[in-house]
N, C-alpha and C. Protein backbone atom coordinates (compact mmCIF):
# COMPACT_ATOMS: atom_id res chain seq x y z
N MET A 1 0.84 -1.17 0.00
CA MET A 1 0.00 0.00 0.00
C MET A 1 0.89 1.24 0.00
N SER A 2 0.60 2.21 -0.85
CA SER A 2 1.42 3.42 -0.93
C SER A 2 0.96 4.44 0.09
N GLN A 3 1.73 5.50 0.24
CA GLN A 3 1.37 6.57 1.16
C GLN A 3 0.11 7.29 0.72
N TYR A 4 -0.34 7.10 -0.52
CA TYR A 4 -1.50 7.80 -1.04
C TYR A 4 -2.77 6.99 -0.94
N ASP A 5 -2.67 5.75 -0.49
CA ASP A 5 -3.85 4.91 -0.46
C ASP A 5 -3.98 4.31 0.93
N SER A 6 -4.95 4.77 1.69
CA SER A 6 -5.16 4.25 3.04
C SER A 6 -6.03 3.00 3.03
N GLY A 7 -6.63 2.69 1.87
CA GLY A 7 -7.51 1.55 1.79
C GLY A 7 -8.88 1.85 2.38
N ALA A 8 -9.11 3.07 2.88
CA ALA A 8 -10.35 3.42 3.55
C ALA A 8 -11.36 4.07 2.63
N GLY A 9 -11.03 4.29 1.39
CA GLY A 9 -11.98 4.94 0.51
C GLY A 9 -11.31 5.44 -0.75
N PRO A 10 -12.03 6.30 -1.47
CA PRO A 10 -11.50 6.80 -2.73
C PRO A 10 -10.31 7.74 -2.52
N PRO A 11 -9.51 7.95 -3.56
CA PRO A 11 -8.39 8.88 -3.47
C PRO A 11 -8.90 10.27 -3.12
N ASP A 12 -8.10 11.03 -2.38
CA ASP A 12 -8.54 12.36 -1.97
C ASP A 12 -7.92 13.45 -2.84
N GLU A 13 -8.20 14.70 -2.49
CA GLU A 13 -7.73 15.82 -3.30
C GLU A 13 -6.21 15.95 -3.30
N TYR A 14 -5.53 15.39 -2.29
CA TYR A 14 -4.07 15.44 -2.29
C TYR A 14 -3.50 14.59 -3.42
N VAL A 15 -4.10 13.45 -3.65
CA VAL A 15 -3.66 12.59 -4.76
C VAL A 15 -3.91 13.31 -6.08
N GLU A 16 -5.07 13.93 -6.22
CA GLU A 16 -5.38 14.68 -7.43
C GLU A 16 -4.34 15.77 -7.67
N ALA A 17 -3.98 16.50 -6.62
CA ALA A 17 -2.98 17.57 -6.73
C ALA A 17 -1.61 17.01 -7.09
N GLU A 18 -1.25 15.88 -6.52
CA GLU A 18 0.03 15.25 -6.84
C GLU A 18 0.09 14.81 -8.30
N ILE A 19 -1.02 14.30 -8.82
CA ILE A 19 -1.06 13.89 -10.22
C ILE A 19 -0.94 15.12 -11.13
N HIS A 20 -1.65 16.19 -10.79
CA HIS A 20 -1.52 17.43 -11.57
C HIS A 20 -0.07 17.90 -11.58
N ARG A 21 0.57 17.86 -10.42
CA ARG A 21 1.97 18.29 -10.31
C ARG A 21 2.88 17.40 -11.16
N LEU A 22 2.66 16.09 -11.09
CA LEU A 22 3.46 15.15 -11.89
C LEU A 22 3.31 15.46 -13.38
N LEU A 23 2.08 15.65 -13.83
CA LEU A 23 1.84 15.91 -15.26
C LEU A 23 2.47 17.22 -15.70
N ALA A 24 2.47 18.22 -14.86
CA ALA A 24 3.01 19.53 -15.24
C ALA A 24 4.52 19.61 -15.09
N GLU A 25 5.09 18.95 -14.08
CA GLU A 25 6.50 19.13 -13.77
C GLU A 25 7.43 18.05 -14.28
N ASP A 26 6.93 16.89 -14.60
CA ASP A 26 7.78 15.81 -15.13
C ASP A 26 8.22 16.21 -16.53
N PRO A 27 9.54 16.36 -16.76
CA PRO A 27 10.01 16.81 -18.07
C PRO A 27 9.61 15.88 -19.23
N ALA A 28 9.39 14.61 -18.94
CA ALA A 28 8.99 13.68 -20.00
C ALA A 28 7.52 13.84 -20.36
N VAL A 29 6.75 14.52 -19.51
CA VAL A 29 5.33 14.70 -19.76
C VAL A 29 5.01 16.17 -20.02
N ALA A 30 5.30 17.03 -19.05
CA ALA A 30 5.07 18.48 -19.15
C ALA A 30 3.73 18.82 -19.80
N GLU A 31 2.69 18.25 -19.25
CA GLU A 31 1.35 18.40 -19.81
C GLU A 31 0.45 19.12 -18.82
N GLN A 32 -0.04 20.30 -19.20
CA GLN A 32 -0.90 21.07 -18.31
C GLN A 32 -2.36 20.99 -18.72
N GLY A 33 -2.66 20.41 -19.86
CA GLY A 33 -4.02 20.35 -20.36
C GLY A 33 -4.81 19.13 -19.91
N ILE A 34 -4.26 18.34 -19.02
CA ILE A 34 -4.95 17.14 -18.54
C ILE A 34 -5.57 17.46 -17.18
N THR A 35 -6.83 17.13 -17.02
CA THR A 35 -7.49 17.32 -15.74
C THR A 35 -7.70 15.98 -15.07
N VAL A 36 -7.84 16.02 -13.76
CA VAL A 36 -8.07 14.81 -12.97
C VAL A 36 -9.43 14.97 -12.31
N VAL A 37 -10.33 14.02 -12.59
CA VAL A 37 -11.69 14.07 -12.06
C VAL A 37 -11.93 12.80 -11.25
N ARG A 38 -12.49 12.96 -10.08
CA ARG A 38 -12.80 11.81 -9.23
C ARG A 38 -14.18 11.27 -9.59
N ARG A 39 -14.26 9.98 -9.86
CA ARG A 39 -15.53 9.28 -10.11
C ARG A 39 -15.56 8.08 -9.18
N GLU A 40 -16.34 8.22 -8.12
CA GLU A 40 -16.42 7.19 -7.09
C GLU A 40 -15.02 6.90 -6.55
N SER A 41 -14.51 5.69 -6.71
CA SER A 41 -13.19 5.36 -6.16
C SER A 41 -12.09 5.39 -7.22
N THR A 42 -12.38 5.99 -8.37
CA THR A 42 -11.42 6.02 -9.47
C THR A 42 -11.11 7.46 -9.85
N LEU A 43 -9.87 7.72 -10.24
CA LEU A 43 -9.51 9.02 -10.79
C LEU A 43 -9.44 8.88 -12.30
N VAL A 44 -10.07 9.83 -12.99
CA VAL A 44 -10.13 9.81 -14.44
C VAL A 44 -9.30 10.95 -14.99
N LEU A 45 -8.34 10.62 -15.87
CA LEU A 45 -7.53 11.63 -16.54
C LEU A 45 -8.26 12.03 -17.81
N GLN A 46 -8.52 13.35 -17.97
CA GLN A 46 -9.27 13.83 -19.12
C GLN A 46 -8.49 14.92 -19.83
N GLY A 47 -8.65 15.00 -21.13
CA GLY A 47 -8.02 16.04 -21.93
C GLY A 47 -7.69 15.53 -23.32
N GLU A 48 -6.80 16.25 -23.99
CA GLU A 48 -6.38 15.86 -25.33
C GLU A 48 -4.87 16.00 -25.46
N VAL A 49 -4.28 15.08 -26.20
CA VAL A 49 -2.85 15.10 -26.49
C VAL A 49 -2.66 14.88 -27.99
N GLU A 50 -1.42 15.04 -28.45
CA GLU A 50 -1.19 15.00 -29.89
C GLU A 50 -0.90 13.61 -30.46
N SER A 51 -0.76 12.57 -29.59
CA SER A 51 -0.49 11.25 -30.14
C SER A 51 -0.90 10.14 -29.16
N PRO A 52 -1.19 8.96 -29.70
CA PRO A 52 -1.49 7.82 -28.83
C PRO A 52 -0.29 7.48 -27.93
N HIS A 53 0.93 7.66 -28.46
CA HIS A 53 2.13 7.38 -27.67
C HIS A 53 2.18 8.29 -26.44
N ARG A 54 1.87 9.55 -26.63
CA ARG A 54 1.88 10.51 -25.51
C ARG A 54 0.83 10.14 -24.47
N ARG A 55 -0.35 9.75 -24.92
CA ARG A 55 -1.41 9.31 -24.01
C ARG A 55 -0.94 8.11 -23.19
N ALA A 56 -0.33 7.14 -23.85
CA ALA A 56 0.16 5.95 -23.16
C ALA A 56 1.26 6.30 -22.17
N GLU A 57 2.13 7.22 -22.52
CA GLU A 57 3.22 7.63 -21.63
C GLU A 57 2.67 8.32 -20.38
N ILE A 58 1.67 9.16 -20.54
CA ILE A 58 1.05 9.83 -19.39
C ILE A 58 0.44 8.79 -18.46
N LEU A 59 -0.32 7.86 -19.00
CA LEU A 59 -0.94 6.83 -18.19
C LEU A 59 0.11 5.96 -17.50
N ARG A 60 1.18 5.64 -18.20
CA ARG A 60 2.25 4.82 -17.62
C ARG A 60 2.90 5.53 -16.45
N ARG A 61 3.23 6.81 -16.63
CA ARG A 61 3.89 7.58 -15.57
C ARG A 61 3.01 7.70 -14.33
N VAL A 62 1.73 8.00 -14.53
CA VAL A 62 0.82 8.15 -13.40
C VAL A 62 0.63 6.81 -12.70
N SER A 63 0.47 5.73 -13.45
CA SER A 63 0.28 4.41 -12.86
C SER A 63 1.51 3.95 -12.09
N GLU A 64 2.70 4.28 -12.59
CA GLU A 64 3.94 3.92 -11.88
C GLU A 64 4.05 4.68 -10.56
N ARG A 65 3.72 5.96 -10.58
CA ARG A 65 3.86 6.80 -9.39
C ARG A 65 2.80 6.50 -8.35
N PHE A 66 1.61 6.13 -8.79
CA PHE A 66 0.48 5.85 -7.89
C PHE A 66 -0.08 4.46 -8.18
N PRO A 67 0.68 3.41 -7.87
CA PRO A 67 0.26 2.06 -8.26
C PRO A 67 -1.00 1.56 -7.55
N ASP A 68 -1.33 2.11 -6.39
CA ASP A 68 -2.48 1.65 -5.64
C ASP A 68 -3.74 2.47 -5.88
N VAL A 69 -3.65 3.45 -6.78
CA VAL A 69 -4.79 4.32 -7.06
C VAL A 69 -5.42 3.88 -8.38
N PRO A 70 -6.72 3.57 -8.37
CA PRO A 70 -7.39 3.19 -9.63
C PRO A 70 -7.45 4.40 -10.58
N ILE A 71 -6.88 4.24 -11.76
CA ILE A 71 -6.81 5.32 -12.75
C ILE A 71 -7.47 4.85 -14.04
N MET A 72 -8.29 5.73 -14.62
CA MET A 72 -8.85 5.50 -15.95
C MET A 72 -8.43 6.67 -16.82
N THR A 73 -8.43 6.45 -18.12
CA THR A 73 -8.07 7.54 -19.02
C THR A 73 -9.22 7.86 -19.97
N ASP A 74 -9.46 9.15 -20.10
CA ASP A 74 -10.42 9.66 -21.07
C ASP A 74 -9.69 10.76 -21.85
N ILE A 75 -8.49 10.41 -22.30
CA ILE A 75 -7.63 11.35 -23.02
C ILE A 75 -7.77 11.07 -24.50
N GLY A 76 -8.22 12.08 -25.23
CA GLY A 76 -8.38 11.95 -26.68
C GLY A 76 -7.11 12.37 -27.40
N VAL A 77 -7.03 11.99 -28.66
CA VAL A 77 -5.89 12.36 -29.50
C VAL A 77 -6.39 13.36 -30.53
N ILE A 78 -5.76 14.54 -30.55
CA ILE A 78 -6.15 15.56 -31.52
C ILE A 78 -5.37 15.38 -32.81
N ARG A 79 -5.95 15.80 -33.90
CA ARG A 79 -5.29 15.69 -35.19
C ARG A 79 -4.25 16.81 -35.29
N THR A 80 -3.01 16.45 -35.60
CA THR A 80 -1.96 17.45 -35.71
C THR A 80 -1.49 17.64 -37.14
N GLN A 81 -1.92 16.78 -38.06
CA GLN A 81 -1.55 16.93 -39.45
C GLN A 81 -2.56 17.83 -40.15
N ALA A 82 -2.14 18.41 -41.24
CA ALA A 82 -3.04 19.23 -42.05
C ALA A 82 -4.12 18.33 -42.63
N PRO A 83 -5.33 18.85 -42.81
CA PRO A 83 -6.38 18.04 -43.41
C PRO A 83 -6.02 17.63 -44.83
N THR A 84 -6.50 16.47 -45.22
CA THR A 84 -6.21 15.97 -46.57
C THR A 84 -7.32 16.29 -47.54
N GLN A 85 -8.46 16.77 -47.03
CA GLN A 85 -9.58 17.13 -47.89
C GLN A 85 -9.97 18.57 -47.65
N ILE A 86 -10.56 19.17 -48.64
CA ILE A 86 -11.03 20.55 -48.52
C ILE A 86 -12.36 20.55 -47.77
N GLU A 87 -12.46 21.43 -46.79
CA GLU A 87 -13.71 21.53 -46.06
C GLU A 87 -14.69 22.39 -46.84
N GLN A 88 -15.87 21.85 -47.09
CA GLN A 88 -16.91 22.57 -47.83
C GLN A 88 -17.82 23.28 -46.83
N LEU A 89 -17.87 24.60 -46.92
CA LEU A 89 -18.74 25.38 -46.05
C LEU A 89 -20.05 25.67 -46.77
N PRO A 90 -21.18 25.72 -46.04
CA PRO A 90 -22.47 25.97 -46.68
C PRO A 90 -22.58 27.38 -47.22
């Protein structure tokens, strides 16, 4: 059991703050656009990143740092390439 999980209930706001700090300050992540939302006994990471690899790296880092905290991801991948088709406006 880690220092962040007492086994007595869902993760608290301190864990949420620690995850925010990890995402913003870890040089391998440096992501400020991800939010942490508590849903019952699980913390959900929400936001958008530029690649599936980046999403996986964020989830890996958070899971390694907080192994006893249930984490889910709702992180979408935004398109970073130029569109390949012309957008037709009405």
